[in-house]
């Protein structure tokens, strides 16, 4: 099986007139989509939970300008397309942006 990890990306839109960015309480975070990551050779839900916890530090980002957070994960068959891959195939006729593959050991 493979593990699908889904993230949400946020960008800080709190630019000031002087060109600096608002931070802390002055930040204005706007949701901007996200990414899909896949990890192969996952055997069960316990394995998947451990993998998500271990990979979280490599996936998630948190700066004054950009944030990416894990919002969901699920187990899938190896041959199954991710939701975004299916949408691309349906609407564009091809997969331009496949899920990003991660390794975990």
N, C-alpha and C. Protein backbone atom coordinates (compact mmCIF):
# COMPACT_ATOMS: atom_id res chain seq x y z
N UNK A 1 0.83 -1.19 0.00
CA UNK A 1 0.00 0.00 0.00
C UNK A 1 0.87 1.25 0.00
N UNK A 2 0.23 2.36 -0.31
CA UNK A 2 0.95 3.63 -0.21
C UNK A 2 0.18 4.56 0.71
N UNK A 3 0.92 5.46 1.28
CA UNK A 3 0.38 6.47 2.18
C UNK A 3 0.28 7.78 1.41
N UNK A 4 -0.89 8.39 1.43
CA UNK A 4 -1.09 9.71 0.85
C UNK A 4 -1.16 10.72 1.99
N UNK A 5 -0.31 11.74 1.93
CA UNK A 5 -0.31 12.83 2.91
C UNK A 5 -0.72 14.09 2.18
N UNK A 6 -1.72 14.79 2.70
CA UNK A 6 -2.26 16.00 2.08
C UNK A 6 -1.93 17.20 2.97
N UNK A 7 -1.50 18.29 2.34
CA UNK A 7 -1.15 19.49 3.10
C UNK A 7 -2.00 20.68 2.67
N UNK A 8 -2.00 21.70 3.52
CA UNK A 8 -2.60 23.00 3.21
C UNK A 8 -1.49 24.04 3.28
N UNK A 9 -1.43 24.90 2.28
CA UNK A 9 -0.43 25.96 2.22
C UNK A 9 -1.12 27.29 2.54
N UNK A 10 -0.43 28.13 3.30
CA UNK A 10 -0.90 29.48 3.62
C UNK A 10 0.20 30.47 3.27
N UNK A 11 -0.20 31.64 2.73
CA UNK A 11 0.73 32.72 2.48
C UNK A 11 0.32 33.93 3.30
N UNK A 12 1.31 34.65 3.81
CA UNK A 12 1.06 35.85 4.60
C UNK A 12 0.89 37.04 3.65
N UNK A 13 -0.28 37.65 3.68
CA UNK A 13 -0.59 38.78 2.81
C UNK A 13 -0.51 40.12 3.53
N UNK A 14 0.14 40.18 4.66
CA UNK A 14 0.17 41.40 5.48
C UNK A 14 1.35 42.30 5.11
N UNK A 15 1.44 42.67 3.84
CA UNK A 15 2.52 43.58 3.43
C UNK A 15 2.19 45.00 3.84
N UNK A 16 3.20 45.66 4.39
CA UNK A 16 3.04 47.06 4.81
C UNK A 16 3.49 47.99 3.68
N UNK A 17 3.14 49.25 3.80
CA UNK A 17 3.53 50.23 2.78
C UNK A 17 5.03 50.36 2.63
N UNK A 18 5.79 50.10 3.71
CA UNK A 18 7.24 50.23 3.64
C UNK A 18 7.92 48.97 3.07
N UNK A 19 7.10 47.98 2.66
CA UNK A 19 7.66 46.78 2.04
C UNK A 19 7.98 45.66 3.00
N UNK A 20 7.72 45.85 4.28
CA UNK A 20 7.96 44.77 5.25
C UNK A 20 6.68 43.96 5.43
N UNK A 21 6.81 42.82 6.05
CA UNK A 21 5.66 41.92 6.24
C UNK A 21 5.19 41.98 7.69
N UNK A 22 3.88 41.98 7.88
CA UNK A 22 3.33 41.93 9.22
C UNK A 22 3.48 40.53 9.80
N UNK A 23 3.88 40.45 11.04
CA UNK A 23 4.07 39.15 11.68
C UNK A 23 3.26 39.09 12.97
N UNK A 24 3.20 37.90 13.58
CA UNK A 24 2.47 37.74 14.83
C UNK A 24 1.01 38.10 14.64
N UNK A 25 0.49 38.99 15.50
CA UNK A 25 -0.91 39.41 15.40
C UNK A 25 -1.19 40.24 14.15
N UNK A 26 -0.14 40.79 13.51
CA UNK A 26 -0.32 41.60 12.30
C UNK A 26 -0.30 40.76 11.02
N UNK A 27 -0.06 39.47 11.13
CA UNK A 27 -0.04 38.60 9.95
C UNK A 27 -1.46 38.39 9.42
N UNK A 28 -1.57 38.19 8.11
CA UNK A 28 -2.85 37.88 7.48
C UNK A 28 -2.64 36.65 6.60
N UNK A 29 -2.99 35.47 7.12
CA UNK A 29 -2.74 34.21 6.44
C UNK A 29 -3.89 33.86 5.51
N UNK A 30 -3.55 33.58 4.25
CA UNK A 30 -4.54 33.23 3.24
C UNK A 30 -4.24 31.83 2.72
N UNK A 31 -5.26 30.96 2.73
CA UNK A 31 -5.09 29.59 2.23
C UNK A 31 -4.85 29.61 0.72
N UNK A 32 -3.87 28.83 0.26
CA UNK A 32 -3.47 28.84 -1.15
C UNK A 32 -3.31 27.42 -1.73
N UNK A 33 -4.19 26.51 -1.42
CA UNK A 33 -4.06 25.15 -1.95
C UNK A 33 -3.15 24.33 -1.07
N UNK A 34 -2.49 23.35 -1.66
CA UNK A 34 -1.61 22.47 -0.90
C UNK A 34 -0.94 21.47 -1.80
N UNK A 35 -0.36 20.45 -1.22
CA UNK A 35 0.36 19.43 -1.97
C UNK A 35 -0.09 18.04 -1.53
N UNK A 36 0.24 17.07 -2.38
CA UNK A 36 0.04 15.66 -2.06
C UNK A 36 1.40 14.99 -2.07
N UNK A 37 1.65 14.20 -1.06
CA UNK A 37 2.88 13.43 -0.94
C UNK A 37 2.50 11.96 -0.81
N UNK A 38 3.28 11.08 -1.43
CA UNK A 38 3.02 9.64 -1.29
C UNK A 38 4.27 8.94 -0.77
N UNK A 39 4.02 7.91 0.03
CA UNK A 39 5.08 7.07 0.59
C UNK A 39 4.67 5.63 0.31
N UNK A 40 5.54 4.88 -0.36
CA UNK A 40 5.24 3.49 -0.70
C UNK A 40 5.74 2.54 0.39
N UNK A 41 5.30 1.30 0.31
CA UNK A 41 5.71 0.23 1.23
C UNK A 41 5.23 0.47 2.65
N UNK A 42 3.99 0.92 2.77
CA UNK A 42 3.35 1.07 4.08
C UNK A 42 2.43 -0.14 4.26
N UNK A 43 2.50 -0.78 5.42
CA UNK A 43 1.80 -2.05 5.60
C UNK A 43 0.46 -1.94 6.31
N UNK A 44 0.32 -0.99 7.25
CA UNK A 44 -0.93 -0.89 8.00
C UNK A 44 -1.05 0.52 8.58
N UNK A 45 -2.17 0.77 9.27
CA UNK A 45 -2.45 2.11 9.82
C UNK A 45 -1.41 2.52 10.85
N UNK A 46 -0.93 1.59 11.64
CA UNK A 46 0.10 1.91 12.64
C UNK A 46 1.38 2.37 11.96
N UNK A 47 1.78 1.66 10.92
CA UNK A 47 2.94 2.02 10.11
C UNK A 47 2.75 3.42 9.51
N UNK A 48 1.54 3.69 8.99
CA UNK A 48 1.23 4.98 8.36
C UNK A 48 1.32 6.11 9.38
N UNK A 49 0.77 5.90 10.57
CA UNK A 49 0.81 6.93 11.61
C UNK A 49 2.25 7.27 11.99
N UNK A 50 3.06 6.25 12.13
CA UNK A 50 4.47 6.47 12.46
C UNK A 50 5.17 7.23 11.33
N UNK A 51 4.90 6.86 10.09
CA UNK A 51 5.51 7.53 8.94
C UNK A 51 5.11 9.01 8.90
N UNK A 52 3.83 9.31 9.13
CA UNK A 52 3.38 10.71 9.12
C UNK A 52 4.10 11.51 10.20
N UNK A 53 4.21 10.95 11.39
CA UNK A 53 4.89 11.65 12.48
C UNK A 53 6.37 11.89 12.16
N UNK A 54 7.02 10.91 11.56
CA UNK A 54 8.44 11.05 11.21
C UNK A 54 8.66 12.03 10.06
N UNK A 55 7.76 12.05 9.08
CA UNK A 55 7.94 12.89 7.90
C UNK A 55 7.43 14.31 8.08
N UNK A 56 6.65 14.53 9.11
CA UNK A 56 6.07 15.84 9.35
C UNK A 56 7.13 16.95 9.36
N UNK A 57 8.27 16.68 9.97
CA UNK A 57 9.34 17.70 10.06
C UNK A 57 9.93 18.03 8.69
N UNK A 58 9.85 17.09 7.73
CA UNK A 58 10.35 17.33 6.38
C UNK A 58 9.32 18.02 5.50
N UNK A 59 8.05 17.88 5.83
CA UNK A 59 6.96 18.41 5.01
C UNK A 59 6.54 19.79 5.47
N UNK A 60 6.31 19.94 6.76
CA UNK A 60 5.73 21.18 7.26
C UNK A 60 6.76 22.31 7.30
N UNK A 61 6.30 23.51 6.95
CA UNK A 61 7.13 24.72 6.96
C UNK A 61 6.37 25.79 7.73
N UNK A 62 7.11 26.68 8.37
CA UNK A 62 6.48 27.77 9.10
C UNK A 62 7.46 28.94 9.17
N UNK A 63 7.26 29.92 8.27
CA UNK A 63 8.07 31.13 8.27
C UNK A 63 7.12 32.33 8.38
N UNK A 64 7.67 33.53 8.38
CA UNK A 64 6.83 34.73 8.42
C UNK A 64 6.04 34.90 7.12
N UNK A 65 6.45 34.23 6.04
CA UNK A 65 5.84 34.42 4.73
C UNK A 65 4.98 33.24 4.27
N UNK A 66 5.31 32.03 4.73
CA UNK A 66 4.74 30.81 4.15
C UNK A 66 4.57 29.75 5.23
N UNK A 67 3.46 29.03 5.16
CA UNK A 67 3.22 27.89 6.05
C UNK A 67 2.68 26.74 5.22
N UNK A 68 3.10 25.55 5.59
CA UNK A 68 2.52 24.34 5.00
C UNK A 68 2.31 23.36 6.15
N UNK A 69 1.08 22.84 6.25
CA UNK A 69 0.72 21.96 7.36
C UNK A 69 0.04 20.70 6.84
N UNK A 70 0.33 19.56 7.46
CA UNK A 70 -0.36 18.32 7.14
C UNK A 70 -1.79 18.45 7.66
N UNK A 71 -2.77 18.19 6.77
CA UNK A 71 -4.17 18.28 7.19
C UNK A 71 -4.90 16.94 7.11
N UNK A 72 -4.32 15.96 6.39
CA UNK A 72 -4.99 14.67 6.25
C UNK A 72 -3.99 13.64 5.74
N UNK A 73 -4.31 12.38 5.97
CA UNK A 73 -3.55 11.29 5.39
C UNK A 73 -4.46 10.08 5.27
N UNK A 74 -4.13 9.20 4.32
CA UNK A 74 -4.91 7.98 4.14
C UNK A 74 -4.07 6.92 3.44
N UNK A 75 -4.45 5.68 3.62
CA UNK A 75 -3.81 4.57 2.93
C UNK A 75 -4.54 4.30 1.63
N UNK A 76 -3.78 3.98 0.58
CA UNK A 76 -4.35 3.71 -0.75
C UNK A 76 -3.63 2.51 -1.36
N UNK A 77 -4.26 1.90 -2.35
CA UNK A 77 -3.57 0.88 -3.13
C UNK A 77 -2.47 1.54 -3.93
N UNK A 78 -1.37 0.83 -4.17
CA UNK A 78 -0.23 1.39 -4.89
C UNK A 78 -0.61 1.93 -6.26
N UNK A 79 -1.54 1.27 -6.95
CA UNK A 79 -1.91 1.66 -8.32
C UNK A 79 -2.93 2.80 -8.36
N UNK A 80 -3.56 3.09 -7.23
CA UNK A 80 -4.61 4.10 -7.18
C UNK A 80 -4.04 5.50 -7.34
N UNK A 81 -4.72 6.32 -8.14
CA UNK A 81 -4.32 7.71 -8.31
C UNK A 81 -4.80 8.52 -7.11
N UNK A 82 -4.05 9.56 -6.78
CA UNK A 82 -4.47 10.47 -5.72
C UNK A 82 -5.64 11.31 -6.24
N UNK A 83 -6.39 11.97 -5.36
CA UNK A 83 -7.50 12.81 -5.83
C UNK A 83 -7.07 13.88 -6.83
N UNK A 84 -5.96 14.56 -6.58
CA UNK A 84 -5.51 15.59 -7.51
C UNK A 84 -5.05 14.99 -8.84
N UNK A 85 -4.40 13.84 -8.81
CA UNK A 85 -4.00 13.17 -10.05
C UNK A 85 -5.23 12.78 -10.86
N UNK A 86 -6.27 12.26 -10.21
CA UNK A 86 -7.52 11.90 -10.90
C UNK A 86 -8.15 13.14 -11.54
N UNK A 87 -8.17 14.24 -10.79
CA UNK A 87 -8.75 15.48 -11.33
C UNK A 87 -7.99 15.97 -12.55
N UNK A 88 -6.67 15.91 -12.50
CA UNK A 88 -5.87 16.34 -13.64
C UNK A 88 -6.17 15.49 -14.87
N UNK A 89 -6.24 14.18 -14.66
CA UNK A 89 -6.52 13.26 -15.76
C UNK A 89 -7.90 13.54 -16.36
N UNK A 90 -8.87 13.78 -15.49
CA UNK A 90 -10.23 14.02 -15.96
C UNK A 90 -10.36 15.34 -16.71
N UNK A 91 -9.76 16.42 -16.18
CA UNK A 91 -9.96 17.74 -16.75
C UNK A 91 -8.90 18.16 -17.77
N UNK A 92 -7.69 17.64 -17.64
CA UNK A 92 -6.61 18.03 -18.54
C UNK A 92 -6.21 16.91 -19.50
N UNK A 93 -6.63 15.69 -19.20
CA UNK A 93 -6.28 14.55 -20.05
C UNK A 93 -4.91 13.98 -19.77
N UNK A 94 -4.20 14.53 -18.79
CA UNK A 94 -2.88 14.03 -18.41
C UNK A 94 -2.54 14.54 -17.02
N UNK A 95 -1.57 13.87 -16.40
CA UNK A 95 -1.11 14.25 -15.07
C UNK A 95 0.16 15.07 -15.21
N UNK A 96 0.05 16.35 -14.97
CA UNK A 96 1.19 17.27 -15.07
C UNK A 96 1.93 17.37 -13.74
N UNK A 97 1.18 17.30 -12.65
CA UNK A 97 1.76 17.45 -11.32
C UNK A 97 1.47 16.21 -10.48
N UNK A 98 2.29 15.18 -10.63
CA UNK A 98 2.06 13.96 -9.80
C UNK A 98 2.39 14.26 -8.34
N UNK A 99 1.84 13.42 -7.46
CA UNK A 99 2.14 13.56 -6.03
C UNK A 99 3.64 13.43 -5.83
N UNK A 100 4.16 14.18 -4.88
CA UNK A 100 5.59 14.13 -4.58
C UNK A 100 5.89 12.87 -3.78
N UNK A 101 6.87 12.12 -4.23
CA UNK A 101 7.20 10.86 -3.56
C UNK A 101 8.24 11.08 -2.47
N UNK A 102 7.94 10.56 -1.27
CA UNK A 102 8.86 10.62 -0.15
C UNK A 102 9.27 9.20 0.24
N UNK A 103 10.44 9.08 0.85
CA UNK A 103 10.87 7.79 1.36
C UNK A 103 10.91 7.83 2.86
N UNK A 104 10.64 6.70 3.45
CA UNK A 104 10.62 6.58 4.90
C UNK A 104 11.17 5.21 5.26
N UNK A 105 12.02 5.17 6.23
CA UNK A 105 12.58 3.87 6.63
C UNK A 105 12.56 3.72 8.13
